[in-house]
Amino acid sequence: MDSGLKRDMQHKPKEIPIMLDKERTFILDLNAYSELDMLYDDKSFNHILEDFFKQRPYAIRAFLWACLVHEDEHLTVKQVGSMLNSGGFNYAAEIISGGLKDDVPSKDPDDDQPEGSVKKK
């Protein structure tokens, strides 16, 4: 198995503490991506991601909710929106950006080497 693929499959999302109405744990995992997909089945993930980077409020609120609902299955998107004030909006966007950055596998140049080949110095 390709070592890069194996590393990607074994990637464990980082648990990021976030202070809102109380301390919560932000986890961007497959469940969170699935929640986003089900919440906005009329939009592609890339569309939601693009809107997040444009700082669209619905996208920030949705990302945050999808990454918090693992703690409380009754948590609603509107409840999450109520937890954010103007400063909290930027804080949430930073947490989400950090989660997205951590979720992207790092590119190791040695992964392009065929198995059994000798690394060049």
N, C-alpha and C. Protein backbone atom coordinates (compact mmCIF):
# COMPACT_ATOMS: atom_id res chain seq x y z
N MET A 1 0.85 -1.18 0.00
CA MET A 1 0.00 0.00 0.00
C MET A 1 0.88 1.23 0.00
N ASP A 2 0.50 2.21 -0.78
CA ASP A 2 1.21 3.48 -0.84
C ASP A 2 1.29 4.08 0.56
N SER A 3 2.49 4.46 0.98
CA SER A 3 2.67 4.96 2.35
C SER A 3 1.90 6.27 2.58
N GLY A 4 1.77 7.10 1.54
CA GLY A 4 1.00 8.34 1.67
C GLY A 4 -0.47 8.06 1.89
N LEU A 5 -1.02 7.10 1.15
CA LEU A 5 -2.42 6.73 1.31
C LEU A 5 -2.64 6.12 2.68
N LYS A 6 -1.74 5.27 3.11
CA LYS A 6 -1.88 4.65 4.43
C LYS A 6 -1.88 5.72 5.52
N ARG A 7 -0.99 6.70 5.39
CA ARG A 7 -0.94 7.78 6.38
C ARG A 7 -2.26 8.56 6.37
N ASP A 8 -2.81 8.82 5.17
CA ASP A 8 -4.07 9.55 5.07
C ASP A 8 -5.21 8.77 5.72
N MET A 9 -5.22 7.45 5.53
CA MET A 9 -6.29 6.62 6.08
C MET A 9 -6.19 6.55 7.61
N GLN A 10 -5.01 6.70 8.14
CA GLN A 10 -4.80 6.60 9.58
C GLN A 10 -4.84 7.97 10.26
N HIS A 11 -5.02 9.02 9.49
CA HIS A 11 -5.04 10.38 10.03
C HIS A 11 -6.16 10.51 11.06
N LYS A 12 -5.82 10.96 12.24
CA LYS A 12 -6.81 11.19 13.28
C LYS A 12 -7.00 12.70 13.39
N PRO A 13 -8.24 13.17 13.21
CA PRO A 13 -8.47 14.62 13.31
C PRO A 13 -8.08 15.15 14.68
N LYS A 14 -7.56 16.35 14.66
CA LYS A 14 -7.15 17.01 15.90
C LYS A 14 -8.40 17.47 16.66
N GLU A 15 -8.42 17.25 17.96
CA GLU A 15 -9.49 17.76 18.81
C GLU A 15 -9.07 19.15 19.28
N ILE A 16 -9.85 20.15 18.91
CA ILE A 16 -9.51 21.53 19.21
C ILE A 16 -10.51 22.10 20.22
N PRO A 17 -10.02 22.48 21.41
CA PRO A 17 -10.94 23.09 22.38
C PRO A 17 -11.36 24.48 21.88
N ILE A 18 -12.63 24.79 22.05
CA ILE A 18 -13.15 26.09 21.65
C ILE A 18 -14.09 26.58 22.74
N MET A 19 -13.92 27.83 23.14
CA MET A 19 -14.75 28.40 24.19
C MET A 19 -15.90 29.16 23.54
N LEU A 20 -17.10 28.68 23.77
CA LEU A 20 -18.31 29.35 23.28
C LEU A 20 -19.19 29.63 24.49
N ASP A 21 -20.36 29.03 24.55
CA ASP A 21 -21.19 29.16 25.74
C ASP A 21 -20.55 28.42 26.91
N LYS A 22 -19.72 27.43 26.56
CA LYS A 22 -18.90 26.67 27.49
C LYS A 22 -17.77 26.08 26.65
N GLU A 23 -16.80 25.45 27.28
CA GLU A 23 -15.74 24.86 26.48
C GLU A 23 -16.31 23.65 25.74
N ARG A 24 -16.07 23.62 24.46
CA ARG A 24 -16.52 22.54 23.61
C ARG A 24 -15.31 22.00 22.84
N THR A 25 -15.50 20.87 22.17
CA THR A 25 -14.42 20.27 21.40
C THR A 25 -14.80 20.22 19.93
N PHE A 26 -14.02 20.92 19.13
CA PHE A 26 -14.20 21.00 17.69
C PHE A 26 -13.45 19.82 17.05
N ILE A 27 -14.17 18.99 16.28
CA ILE A 27 -13.53 17.88 15.58
C ILE A 27 -14.01 17.88 14.13
N LEU A 28 -13.09 18.06 13.21
CA LEU A 28 -13.40 18.03 11.79
C LEU A 28 -13.04 16.63 11.28
N ASP A 29 -14.03 15.75 11.27
CA ASP A 29 -13.82 14.38 10.83
C ASP A 29 -14.85 14.03 9.76
N LEU A 30 -14.88 12.78 9.35
CA LEU A 30 -15.82 12.36 8.31
C LEU A 30 -17.26 12.61 8.74
N ASN A 31 -17.55 12.44 10.02
CA ASN A 31 -18.91 12.71 10.50
C ASN A 31 -19.28 14.18 10.29
N ALA A 32 -18.35 15.07 10.56
CA ALA A 32 -18.62 16.49 10.36
C ALA A 32 -18.85 16.80 8.87
N TYR A 33 -18.01 16.24 8.01
CA TYR A 33 -18.21 16.44 6.57
C TYR A 33 -19.57 15.89 6.14
N SER A 34 -19.96 14.76 6.69
CA SER A 34 -21.26 14.16 6.35
C SER A 34 -22.41 15.03 6.83
N GLU A 35 -22.27 15.61 8.03
CA GLU A 35 -23.31 16.51 8.54
C GLU A 35 -23.48 17.72 7.61
N LEU A 36 -22.37 18.28 7.15
CA LEU A 36 -22.45 19.40 6.21
C LEU A 36 -23.15 18.98 4.93
N ASP A 37 -22.81 17.81 4.43
CA ASP A 37 -23.40 17.30 3.20
C ASP A 37 -24.91 17.14 3.35
N MET A 38 -25.34 16.60 4.49
CA MET A 38 -26.78 16.39 4.72
C MET A 38 -27.50 17.71 4.97
N LEU A 39 -26.83 18.65 5.63
CA LEU A 39 -27.44 19.94 5.93
C LEU A 39 -27.71 20.73 4.65
N TYR A 40 -26.76 20.70 3.73
CA TYR A 40 -26.88 21.47 2.49
C TYR A 40 -26.75 20.54 1.29
N ASP A 41 -27.70 19.64 1.14
CA ASP A 41 -27.62 18.67 0.04
C ASP A 41 -27.76 19.32 -1.33
N ASP A 42 -28.20 20.59 -1.36
CA ASP A 42 -28.30 21.29 -2.63
C ASP A 42 -27.01 22.01 -3.00
N LYS A 43 -26.02 22.00 -2.10
CA LYS A 43 -24.73 22.65 -2.36
C LYS A 43 -23.63 21.59 -2.27
N SER A 44 -22.63 21.72 -3.10
CA SER A 44 -21.49 20.82 -3.01
C SER A 44 -20.60 21.25 -1.86
N PHE A 45 -19.79 20.33 -1.38
CA PHE A 45 -18.85 20.68 -0.31
C PHE A 45 -17.93 21.80 -0.78
N ASN A 46 -17.48 21.75 -2.02
CA ASN A 46 -16.59 22.80 -2.53
C ASN A 46 -17.27 24.16 -2.52
N HIS A 47 -18.58 24.18 -2.77
CA HIS A 47 -19.33 25.44 -2.73
C HIS A 47 -19.36 25.99 -1.30
N ILE A 48 -19.62 25.10 -0.33
CA ILE A 48 -19.65 25.53 1.07
C ILE A 48 -18.26 25.99 1.51
N LEU A 49 -17.24 25.26 1.10
CA LEU A 49 -15.87 25.62 1.44
C LEU A 49 -15.50 26.98 0.83
N GLU A 50 -15.87 27.19 -0.41
CA GLU A 50 -15.61 28.48 -1.06
C GLU A 50 -16.31 29.61 -0.30
N ASP A 51 -17.57 29.38 0.10
CA ASP A 51 -18.30 30.38 0.86
C ASP A 51 -17.68 30.61 2.24
N PHE A 52 -17.12 29.56 2.84
CA PHE A 52 -16.43 29.74 4.11
C PHE A 52 -15.26 30.70 3.94
N PHE A 53 -14.47 30.50 2.89
CA PHE A 53 -13.31 31.37 2.67
C PHE A 53 -13.71 32.79 2.26
N LYS A 54 -14.94 32.95 1.81
CA LYS A 54 -15.48 34.29 1.53
C LYS A 54 -16.09 34.89 2.79
N GLN A 55 -15.98 34.16 3.92
CA GLN A 55 -16.51 34.61 5.22
C GLN A 55 -18.03 34.74 5.22
N ARG A 56 -18.71 33.88 4.44
CA ARG A 56 -20.17 33.88 4.45
C ARG A 56 -20.65 33.33 5.78
N PRO A 57 -21.51 34.04 6.49
CA PRO A 57 -21.94 33.62 7.83
C PRO A 57 -22.55 32.21 7.87
N TYR A 58 -23.39 31.86 6.89
CA TYR A 58 -24.02 30.55 6.94
C TYR A 58 -22.97 29.44 6.92
N ALA A 59 -21.89 29.64 6.15
CA ALA A 59 -20.87 28.60 6.01
C ALA A 59 -20.06 28.46 7.30
N ILE A 60 -19.73 29.57 7.93
CA ILE A 60 -18.99 29.51 9.20
C ILE A 60 -19.84 28.85 10.27
N ARG A 61 -21.09 29.26 10.36
CA ARG A 61 -22.00 28.66 11.35
C ARG A 61 -22.19 27.17 11.08
N ALA A 62 -22.36 26.79 9.83
CA ALA A 62 -22.57 25.38 9.47
C ALA A 62 -21.35 24.53 9.78
N PHE A 63 -20.16 25.01 9.41
CA PHE A 63 -18.93 24.28 9.71
C PHE A 63 -18.78 24.08 11.21
N LEU A 64 -18.99 25.15 11.95
CA LEU A 64 -18.85 25.07 13.40
C LEU A 64 -19.84 24.06 13.98
N TRP A 65 -21.09 24.14 13.58
CA TRP A 65 -22.10 23.20 14.06
C TRP A 65 -21.72 21.76 13.73
N ALA A 66 -21.33 21.52 12.48
CA ALA A 66 -21.01 20.15 12.05
C ALA A 66 -19.85 19.56 12.85
N CYS A 67 -18.96 20.42 13.32
CA CYS A 67 -17.79 19.95 14.08
C CYS A 67 -18.03 19.92 15.58
N LEU A 68 -19.20 20.35 16.02
CA LEU A 68 -19.54 20.32 17.44
C LEU A 68 -20.66 19.33 17.77
N VAL A 69 -21.45 18.97 16.79
CA VAL A 69 -22.65 18.15 17.03
C VAL A 69 -22.29 16.77 17.58
N HIS A 70 -21.05 16.35 17.45
CA HIS A 70 -20.63 15.06 18.01
C HIS A 70 -20.80 15.03 19.52
N GLU A 71 -20.72 16.20 20.17
CA GLU A 71 -20.86 16.28 21.62
C GLU A 71 -22.32 16.27 22.08
N ASP A 72 -23.20 16.79 21.23
CA ASP A 72 -24.61 16.93 21.60
C ASP A 72 -25.45 16.79 20.33
N GLU A 73 -26.06 15.63 20.16
CA GLU A 73 -26.81 15.38 18.93
C GLU A 73 -28.04 16.27 18.80
N HIS A 74 -28.43 16.95 19.88
CA HIS A 74 -29.59 17.84 19.83
C HIS A 74 -29.20 19.30 19.56
N LEU A 75 -27.92 19.56 19.43
CA LEU A 75 -27.44 20.91 19.15
C LEU A 75 -27.93 21.34 17.76
N THR A 76 -28.47 22.55 17.67
CA THR A 76 -28.96 23.03 16.38
C THR A 76 -28.02 24.08 15.79
N VAL A 77 -28.17 24.28 14.51
CA VAL A 77 -27.38 25.30 13.81
C VAL A 77 -27.68 26.68 14.41
N LYS A 78 -28.95 26.94 14.69
CA LYS A 78 -29.32 28.24 15.26
C LYS A 78 -28.73 28.43 16.65
N GLN A 79 -28.66 27.37 17.44
CA GLN A 79 -28.04 27.49 18.76
C GLN A 79 -26.56 27.86 18.62
N VAL A 80 -25.90 27.24 17.67
CA VAL A 80 -24.48 27.56 17.44
C VAL A 80 -24.35 29.01 17.00
N GLY A 81 -25.23 29.47 16.12
CA GLY A 81 -25.20 30.86 15.69
C GLY A 81 -25.39 31.82 16.84
N SER A 82 -26.22 31.45 17.82
CA SER A 82 -26.45 32.30 18.99
C SER A 82 -25.23 32.36 19.90
N MET A 83 -24.34 31.39 19.78
CA MET A 83 -23.13 31.37 20.62
C MET A 83 -22.07 32.34 20.10
N LEU A 84 -22.25 32.83 18.89
CA LEU A 84 -21.24 33.69 18.27
C LEU A 84 -21.67 35.15 18.26
N ASN A 85 -20.83 36.00 18.80
CA ASN A 85 -21.03 37.43 18.65
C ASN A 85 -20.07 37.89 17.56
N SER A 86 -19.91 39.17 17.37
CA SER A 86 -19.05 39.65 16.28
C SER A 86 -17.61 39.16 16.43
N GLY A 87 -17.06 39.19 17.65
CA GLY A 87 -15.71 38.69 17.87
C GLY A 87 -15.64 37.18 17.76
N GLY A 88 -16.71 36.52 18.17
CA GLY A 88 -16.76 35.07 18.11
C GLY A 88 -16.78 34.55 16.69
N PHE A 89 -17.32 35.36 15.79
CA PHE A 89 -17.38 35.00 14.37
C PHE A 89 -15.97 34.80 13.82
N ASN A 90 -15.08 35.74 14.10
CA ASN A 90 -13.68 35.63 13.64
C ASN A 90 -12.95 34.50 14.35
N TYR A 91 -13.21 34.36 15.64
CA TYR A 91 -12.61 33.29 16.43
C TYR A 91 -13.01 31.93 15.86
N ALA A 92 -14.28 31.75 15.55
CA ALA A 92 -14.76 30.49 14.97
C ALA A 92 -14.11 30.24 13.62
N ALA A 93 -13.99 31.28 12.80
CA ALA A 93 -13.37 31.13 11.48
C ALA A 93 -11.91 30.68 11.62
N GLU A 94 -11.20 31.20 12.62
CA GLU A 94 -9.80 30.78 12.85
C GLU A 94 -9.73 29.32 13.27
N ILE A 95 -10.63 28.89 14.14
CA ILE A 95 -10.66 27.49 14.59
C ILE A 95 -10.94 26.57 13.40
N ILE A 96 -11.92 26.94 12.60
CA ILE A 96 -12.28 26.13 11.43
C ILE A 96 -11.10 26.07 10.46
N SER A 97 -10.47 27.20 10.20
CA SER A 97 -9.31 27.22 9.30
C SER A 97 -8.21 26.30 9.81
N GLY A 98 -7.97 26.33 11.12
CA GLY A 98 -6.96 25.45 11.71
C GLY A 98 -7.33 23.98 11.52
N GLY A 99 -8.61 23.66 11.70
CA GLY A 99 -9.07 22.29 11.50
C GLY A 99 -8.93 21.85 10.06
N LEU A 100 -9.25 22.74 9.12
CA LEU A 100 -9.11 22.42 7.70
C LEU A 100 -7.65 22.22 7.33
N LYS A 101 -6.79 23.09 7.85
CA LYS A 101 -5.36 22.99 7.55
C LYS A 101 -4.79 21.67 8.08
N ASP A 102 -5.22 21.29 9.28
CA ASP A 102 -4.74 20.04 9.87
C ASP A 102 -5.27 18.82 9.11
N ASP A 103 -6.41 18.97 8.46
CA ASP A 103 -7.04 17.84 7.78
C ASP A 103 -6.41 17.55 6.42
N VAL A 104 -5.66 18.51 5.88
CA VAL A 104 -5.01 18.31 4.58
C VAL A 104 -3.70 17.57 4.81
N PRO A 105 -3.53 16.40 4.16
CA PRO A 105 -2.29 15.65 4.37
C PRO A 105 -1.09 16.43 3.87
N SER A 106 -0.01 16.34 4.63
CA SER A 106 1.21 17.02 4.19
C SER A 106 1.83 16.19 3.08
N LYS A 107 2.42 16.85 2.14
CA LYS A 107 3.04 16.18 1.00
C LYS A 107 4.49 15.91 1.33
N ASP A 108 4.82 14.64 1.45
CA ASP A 108 6.19 14.24 1.72
C ASP A 108 6.83 13.90 0.37
N PRO A 109 7.88 14.60 -0.05
CA PRO A 109 8.47 14.35 -1.36
C PRO A 109 8.95 12.92 -1.53
N ASP A 110 9.29 12.24 -0.44
CA ASP A 110 9.75 10.86 -0.53
C ASP A 110 8.62 9.91 -0.89
N ASP A 111 7.35 10.33 -0.73
CA ASP A 111 6.23 9.47 -1.07
C ASP A 111 6.14 9.22 -2.57
N ASP A 112 6.76 10.09 -3.40
CA ASP A 112 6.72 9.93 -4.85
C ASP A 112 7.71 8.88 -5.34
N GLN A 113 8.60 8.45 -4.46
CA GLN A 113 9.60 7.45 -4.83
C GLN A 113 8.93 6.09 -4.98
N PRO A 114 9.20 5.37 -6.07
CA PRO A 114 8.68 4.01 -6.19
C PRO A 114 9.21 3.14 -5.08
N GLU A 115 8.39 2.14 -4.66
CA GLU A 115 8.82 1.24 -3.59
C GLU A 115 10.11 0.54 -4.02
N GLY A 116 11.04 0.43 -3.09
CA GLY A 116 12.30 -0.26 -3.35
C GLY A 116 13.36 0.61 -4.01
N SER A 117 13.02 1.84 -4.37
CA SER A 117 14.01 2.70 -5.00
C SER A 117 14.90 3.34 -3.95
N VAL A 118 16.06 3.75 -4.37
CA VAL A 118 17.01 4.38 -3.48
C VAL A 118 16.78 5.88 -3.52
N LYS A 119 16.73 6.51 -2.33
CA LYS A 119 16.54 7.96 -2.27
C LYS A 119 17.80 8.65 -2.73
N LYS A 120 17.63 9.70 -3.52
CA LYS A 120 18.79 10.50 -3.98
C LYS A 120 19.15 11.48 -2.90
N LYS A 121 20.45 11.71 -2.76
CA LYS A 121 20.94 12.68 -1.77
C LYS A 121 21.26 13.99 -2.42
